[in-house]
C-alpha atoms as a PDB file:
ATOM      1  CA  MET A   1     350.245 -18.950 -44.705  1.00  0.00           C
ATOM      2  CA  ASP A   2     353.761 -19.341 -46.506  1.00  0.00           C
ATOM      3  CA  ALA A   3     354.090 -23.158 -45.980  1.00  0.00           C
ATOM      4  CA  GLN A   4     357.510 -22.797 -46.979  1.00  0.00           C
ATOM      5  CA  ARG A   5     358.087 -20.399 -43.578  1.00  0.00           C
ATOM      6  CA  GLU A   6     360.018 -22.798 -40.962  1.00  0.00           C
ATOM      7  CA  PRO A   7     358.119 -22.348 -37.471  1.00  0.00           C
ATOM      8  CA  PHE A   8     359.466 -19.540 -35.017  1.00  0.00           C
ATOM      9  CA  LEU A   9     360.383 -20.087 -32.176  1.00  0.00           C
ATOM     10  CA  TYR A  10     360.749 -16.873 -29.349  1.00  0.00           C
ATOM     11  CA  ILE A  11     362.811 -17.781 -26.391  1.00  0.00           C
ATOM     12  CA  VAL A  12     362.360 -15.454 -23.511  1.00  0.00           C
ATOM     13  CA  VAL A  13     365.347 -15.808 -21.032  1.00  0.00           C
ATOM     14  CA  CYS A  14     365.055 -14.245 -17.677  1.00  0.00           C
ATOM     15  CA  ALA A  15     368.013 -13.136 -15.313  1.00  0.00           C
ATOM     16  CA  ALA A  16     368.384 -17.194 -13.874  1.00  0.00           C
ATOM     17  CA  GLY A  17     372.438 -17.720 -13.347  1.00  0.00           C
ATOM     18  CA  VAL A  18     371.678 -20.314 -16.198  1.00  0.00           C
ATOM     19  CA  ALA A  19     370.583 -18.127 -18.534  1.00  0.00           C
ATOM     20  CA  ALA A  20     374.551 -17.683 -19.566  1.00  0.00           C
ATOM     21  CA  GLU A  21     373.978 -21.174 -21.061  1.00  0.00           C
ATOM     22  CA  VAL A  22     370.596 -20.421 -23.158  1.00  0.00           C
ATOM     23  CA  SER A  23     372.527 -20.935 -26.340  1.00  0.00           C
ATOM     24  CA  GLU A  24     372.237 -25.124 -25.424  1.00  0.00           C
ATOM     25  CA  LEU A  25     368.476 -24.277 -25.599  1.00  0.00           C
ATOM     26  CA  ILE A  26     368.953 -22.252 -28.745  1.00  0.00           C
ATOM     27  CA  GLU A  27     370.825 -25.365 -30.360  1.00  0.00           C
ATOM     28  CA  THR A  28     368.461 -27.817 -29.192  1.00  0.00           C
ATOM     29  CA  ALA A  29     365.422 -25.929 -30.468  1.00  0.00           C
ATOM     30  CA  ARG A  30     366.726 -25.382 -33.834  1.00  0.00           C
ATOM     31  CA  GLY A  31     367.564 -28.799 -34.197  1.00  0.00           C
ATOM     32  CA  ARG A  32     364.368 -30.330 -33.829  1.00  0.00           C
ATOM     33  CA  GLY A  33     362.992 -27.749 -36.636  1.00  0.00           C
ATOM     34  CA  TRP A  34     362.633 -24.136 -35.057  1.00  0.00           C
ATOM     35  CA  ARG A  35     363.971 -21.173 -36.142  1.00  0.00           C
ATOM     36  CA  VAL A  36     364.720 -18.944 -33.081  1.00  0.00           C
ATOM     37  CA  GLY A  37     364.405 -15.247 -32.219  1.00  0.00           C
ATOM     38  CA  VAL A  38     365.230 -14.350 -28.530  1.00  0.00           C
ATOM     39  CA  VAL A  39     363.447 -12.010 -26.223  1.00  0.00           C
ATOM     40  CA  ALA A  40     365.812 -11.097 -23.022  1.00  0.00           C
ATOM     41  CA  THR A  41     364.377  -9.193 -19.677  1.00  0.00           C
ATOM     42  CA  PRO A  42     366.586  -6.597 -19.023  1.00  0.00           C
ATOM     43  CA  ASN A  43     368.001  -8.019 -15.919  1.00  0.00           C
ATOM     44  CA  SER A  44     369.514 -11.082 -17.882  1.00  0.00           C
ATOM     45  CA  LEU A  45     371.586  -8.762 -20.409  1.00  0.00           C
ATOM     46  CA  ALA A  46     373.889  -8.942 -17.616  1.00  0.00           C
ATOM     47  CA  ILE A  47     374.456 -12.528 -17.798  1.00  0.00           C
ATOM     48  CA  VAL A  48     373.904 -13.604 -21.404  1.00  0.00           C
ATOM     49  CA  ASP A  49     376.366 -12.754 -24.349  1.00  0.00           C
ATOM     50  CA  ARG A  50     373.913 -10.682 -26.614  1.00  0.00           C
ATOM     51  CA  ALA A  51     376.718 -10.877 -29.369  1.00  0.00           C
ATOM     52  CA  ALA A  52     376.910 -14.478 -29.342  1.00  0.00           C
ATOM     53  CA  LEU A  53     373.136 -14.996 -28.884  1.00  0.00           C
ATOM     54  CA  GLU A  54     373.084 -12.755 -32.292  1.00  0.00           C
ATOM     55  CA  ALA A  55     375.457 -14.625 -33.879  1.00  0.00           C
ATOM     56  CA  GLN A  56     373.734 -17.571 -33.254  1.00  0.00           C
ATOM     57  CA  THR A  57     370.585 -16.700 -34.283  1.00  0.00           C
ATOM     58  CA  GLY A  58     371.469 -14.422 -37.225  1.00  0.00           C
ATOM     59  CA  LEU A  59     368.985 -11.905 -35.690  1.00  0.00           C
ATOM     60  CA  PRO A  60     368.887  -9.529 -32.864  1.00  0.00           C
ATOM     61  CA  VAL A  61     368.602  -9.919 -29.603  1.00  0.00           C
ATOM     62  CA  ARG A  62     365.493  -7.883 -28.413  1.00  0.00           C
ATOM     63  CA  CYS A  63     365.147  -6.295 -24.861  1.00  0.00           C
ATOM     64  CA  GLU A  64     364.095  -2.550 -25.529  1.00  0.00           C
ATOM     65  CA  TRP A  65     361.235  -1.682 -27.728  1.00  0.00           C
ATOM     66  CA  ARG A  66     361.145  -0.880 -31.041  1.00  0.00           C
ATOM     67  CA  ALA A  67     360.004   2.990 -32.256  1.00  0.00           C
ATOM     68  CA  PRO A  68     356.613   3.565 -33.767  1.00  0.00           C
ATOM     69  CA  GLY A  69     356.931   2.998 -37.210  1.00  0.00           C
ATOM     70  CA  ALA A  70     359.864   1.037 -37.014  1.00  0.00           C
ATOM     71  CA  SER A  71     359.857  -2.296 -38.727  1.00  0.00           C
ATOM     72  CA  ARG A  72     359.333  -5.756 -36.576  1.00  0.00           C
ATOM     73  CA  PRO A  73     363.384  -7.121 -35.930  1.00  0.00           C
ATOM     74  CA  LEU A  74     361.458 -10.632 -35.651  1.00  0.00           C
ATOM     75  CA  PRO A  75     358.515 -12.251 -37.458  1.00  0.00           C
ATOM     76  CA  PRO A  76     355.419 -13.230 -34.989  1.00  0.00           C
ATOM     77  CA  PRO A  77     356.267 -16.203 -32.898  1.00  0.00           C
ATOM     78  CA  ASP A  78     354.500 -19.858 -33.782  1.00  0.00           C
ATOM     79  CA  ALA A  79     355.342 -20.541 -30.120  1.00  0.00           C
ATOM     80  CA  ILE A  80     357.067 -18.848 -26.973  1.00  0.00           C
ATOM     81  CA  ALA A  81     359.306 -20.975 -24.856  1.00  0.00           C
ATOM     82  CA  VAL A  82     360.475 -19.058 -21.519  1.00  0.00           C
ATOM     83  CA  ALA A  83     363.446 -20.079 -19.727  1.00  0.00           C
ATOM     84  CA  PRO A  84     365.050 -19.312 -17.364  1.00  0.00           C
ATOM     85  CA  ALA A  85     361.695 -18.052 -16.087  1.00  0.00           C
ATOM     86  CA  THR A  86     362.904 -16.237 -12.947  1.00  0.00           C
ATOM     87  CA  PHE A  87     360.178 -15.537  -9.543  1.00  0.00           C
ATOM     88  CA  ASN A  88     359.610 -11.992 -10.567  1.00  0.00           C
ATOM     89  CA  THR A  89     358.446 -12.730 -14.606  1.00  0.00           C
ATOM     90  CA  VAL A  90     356.264 -15.611 -13.344  1.00  0.00           C
ATOM     91  CA  ASN A  91     354.976 -12.967 -11.271  1.00  0.00           C
ATOM     92  CA  LYS A  92     354.288 -10.379 -12.688  1.00  0.00           C
ATOM     93  CA  TRP A  93     352.956 -12.036 -16.102  1.00  0.00           C
ATOM     94  CA  ALA A  94     350.620 -13.527 -14.314  1.00  0.00           C
ATOM     95  CA  ALA A  95     349.442 -10.004 -12.744  1.00  0.00           C
ATOM     96  CA  GLY A  96     349.423  -8.810 -16.303  1.00  0.00           C
ATOM     97  CA  ILE A  97     352.060  -6.673 -15.943  1.00  0.00           C
ATOM     98  CA  ALA A  98     353.868  -5.462 -18.914  1.00  0.00           C
ATOM     99  CA  ASP A  99     356.563  -3.375 -17.978  1.00  0.00           C
ATOM    100  CA  THR A 100     359.123  -4.454 -20.294  1.00  0.00           C
ATOM    101  CA  LEU A 101     359.442  -6.298 -23.696  1.00  0.00           C
ATOM    102  CA  ALA A 102     359.610  -9.584 -22.262  1.00  0.00           C
ATOM    103  CA  LEU A 103     356.788  -9.197 -20.371  1.00  0.00           C
ATOM    104  CA  ALA A 104     354.140  -7.649 -22.733  1.00  0.00           C
ATOM    105  CA  ILE A 105     355.069 -10.318 -25.361  1.00  0.00           C
ATOM    106  CA  LEU A 106     354.072 -12.770 -23.012  1.00  0.00           C
ATOM    107  CA  CYS A 107     351.063 -11.058 -21.623  1.00  0.00           C
ATOM    108  CA  GLU A 108     350.048 -10.336 -25.669  1.00  0.00           C
ATOM    109  CA  ALA A 109     350.731 -14.050 -26.247  1.00  0.00           C
ATOM    110  CA  TYR A 110     347.599 -15.419 -24.332  1.00  0.00           C
ATOM    111  CA  GLY A 111     345.253 -12.969 -26.569  1.00  0.00           C
ATOM    112  CA  LEU A 112     347.189 -13.856 -30.032  1.00  0.00           C
ATOM    113  CA  GLY A 113     346.544 -17.857 -28.664  1.00  0.00           C
ATOM    114  CA  VAL A 114     350.414 -18.345 -29.425  1.00  0.00           C
ATOM    115  CA  PRO A 115     351.559 -21.599 -27.405  1.00  0.00           C
ATOM    116  CA  THR A 116     353.675 -21.006 -24.156  1.00  0.00           C
ATOM    117  CA  ALA A 117     356.036 -22.901 -22.157  1.00  0.00           C
ATOM    118  CA  VAL A 118     358.105 -22.244 -19.069  1.00  0.00           C
ATOM    119  CA  HIS A 119     360.537 -23.590 -17.247  1.00  0.00           C
ATOM    120  CA  PRO A 120     361.325 -21.586 -14.215  1.00  0.00           C
ATOM    121  CA  ARG A 121     364.662 -21.440 -11.941  1.00  0.00           C
ATOM    122  CA  VAL A 122     363.223 -20.582  -8.835  1.00  0.00           C
ATOM    123  CA  ASN A 123     364.498 -21.510  -5.220  1.00  0.00           C
ATOM    124  CA  ALA A 124     362.784 -23.857  -3.382  1.00  0.00           C
ATOM    125  CA  ALA A 125     362.233 -20.492  -0.832  1.00  0.00           C
ATOM    126  CA  LEU A 126     360.981 -18.229  -3.371  1.00  0.00           C
ATOM    127  CA  ALA A 127     358.869 -21.324  -4.710  1.00  0.00           C
ATOM    128  CA  ALA A 128     357.299 -21.641  -1.519  1.00  0.00           C
ATOM    129  CA  HIS A 129     355.651 -17.858  -1.225  1.00  0.00           C
ATOM    130  CA  PRO A 130     351.855 -18.106  -1.715  1.00  0.00           C
ATOM    131  CA  ALA A 131     351.816 -15.404  -4.733  1.00  0.00           C
ATOM    132  CA  TYR A 132     354.288 -17.339  -6.877  1.00  0.00           C
ATOM    133  CA  ARG A 133     352.054 -20.555  -6.075  1.00  0.00           C
ATOM    134  CA  ALA A 134     349.025 -18.264  -7.370  1.00  0.00           C
ATOM    135  CA  ALA A 135     351.098 -17.048 -10.452  1.00  0.00           C
ATOM    136  CA  VAL A 136     351.687 -20.533 -11.579  1.00  0.00           C
ATOM    137  CA  GLU A 137     348.149 -21.716 -11.240  1.00  0.00           C
ATOM    138  CA  ARG A 138     346.558 -18.576 -12.994  1.00  0.00           C
ATOM    139  CA  LEU A 139     349.124 -19.236 -15.739  1.00  0.00           C
ATOM    140  CA  SER A 140     348.486 -23.173 -16.010  1.00  0.00           C
ATOM    141  CA  GLY A 141     344.895 -21.887 -16.379  1.00  0.00           C
ATOM    142  CA  MET A 142     344.918 -19.540 -18.908  1.00  0.00           C
ATOM    143  CA  GLY A 143     347.112 -22.213 -21.154  1.00  0.00           C
ATOM    144  CA  VAL A 144     350.700 -21.898 -19.937  1.00  0.00           C
ATOM    145  CA  ARG A 145     352.666 -25.216 -19.687  1.00  0.00           C
ATOM    146  CA  PHE A 146     355.063 -25.842 -17.026  1.00  0.00           C
ATOM    147  CA  PRO A 147     356.518 -28.695 -16.449  1.00  0.00           C
ATOM    148  CA  ALA A 148     355.073 -31.021 -13.978  1.00  0.00           C
ATOM    149  CA  GLU A 149     357.638 -30.855 -11.286  1.00  0.00           C
ATOM    150  CA  GLU A 150     356.331 -27.502 -11.113  1.00  0.00           C
ATOM    151  CA  GLN A 151     352.802 -28.088 -10.028  1.00  0.00           C
ATOM    152  CA  ALA A 152     354.267 -30.143  -6.967  1.00  0.00           C
ATOM    153  CA  ARG A 153     356.259 -27.312  -5.533  1.00  0.00           C
ATOM    154  CA  PRO A 154     358.230 -26.837  -2.919  1.00  0.00           C
ATOM    155  CA  ARG A 155     361.000 -28.406  -4.124  1.00  0.00           C
ATOM    156  CA  ALA A 156     363.410 -29.722  -2.112  1.00  0.00           C
ATOM    157  CA  ALA A 157     366.679 -26.869  -1.406  1.00  0.00           C
ATOM    158  CA  ALA A 158     369.270 -29.255  -2.637  1.00  0.00           C
ATOM    159  CA  ASP A 159     366.952 -29.706  -6.524  1.00  0.00           C
ATOM    160  CA  ASP A 160     368.000 -25.386  -6.766  1.00  0.00           C
ATOM    161  CA  ASP A 161     371.847 -26.992  -7.637  1.00  0.00           C
ATOM    162  CA  ALA A 162     370.277 -29.340 -10.008  1.00  0.00           C
ATOM    163  CA  PRO A 163     371.333 -29.017 -13.704  1.00  0.00           C
ATOM    164  CA  PHE A 164     368.974 -27.253 -15.896  1.00  0.00           C
ATOM    165  CA  GLU A 165     367.204 -29.647 -18.446  1.00  0.00           C
ATOM    166  CA  TRP A 166     366.566 -27.035 -21.323  1.00  0.00           C
ATOM    167  CA  GLY A 167     365.078 -29.262 -23.797  1.00  0.00           C
ATOM    168  CA  THR A 168     361.958 -29.521 -21.239  1.00  0.00           C
ATOM    169  CA  VAL A 169     360.322 -26.586 -22.115  1.00  0.00           C
ATOM    170  CA  LEU A 170     360.376 -27.655 -25.997  1.00  0.00           C
ATOM    171  CA  ASP A 171     359.112 -30.964 -24.640  1.00  0.00           C
ATOM    172  CA  LEU A 172     356.033 -29.055 -23.475  1.00  0.00           C
ATOM    173  CA  LEU A 173     355.366 -27.609 -26.916  1.00  0.00           C
ATOM    174  CA  GLY A 174     355.881 -30.950 -29.091  1.00  0.00           C
ATOM    175  CA  PRO A 175     356.855 -30.737 -32.601  1.00  0.00           C
ATOM    176  CA  PRO A 176     357.591 -27.848 -34.495  1.00  0.00           C
ATOM    177  CA  ARG A 177     354.308 -26.321 -36.104  1.00  0.00           C
ATOM    178  CA  LEU A 178     353.439 -22.984 -37.859  1.00  0.00           C
ATOM    179  CA  ARG A 179     350.348 -21.676 -36.083  1.00  0.00           C
END
């Protein structure tokens, strides 16, 4: 492994309204020593500014599968931050459903041993659903790191409008390091 290489972080962004502000997470991660690439769920592309994110990271935002034999546009990740994560993504990921590039990367990360942290943005009604609770428990059991408050759900409805603390997901990963 090249000791001069900067640790590389994939940010998987899902289609929650706060996704429009994911540039804050990118800047925070870069300030902590990460080189960053963005992987977007298809639905999040309606929320994020893909061109702005590509300009910010200097890399393409990944959403589509690459053609067989095509070079990889992003280096392998040393860690993955999923923020914001939606009800849909958390449940599909826990079930092993890899029907988008983002979900395939998340499912594969477990087998590759890539440290992964997730910061959900799920409203109280959805967070109370038994499938979501089971998904959080399953992913936690696989070593995926969630904020402590996610373990203590359901939240009060007023929390749904609370500011999104982008750095939380990076705190869960700890300082950047090469795998």
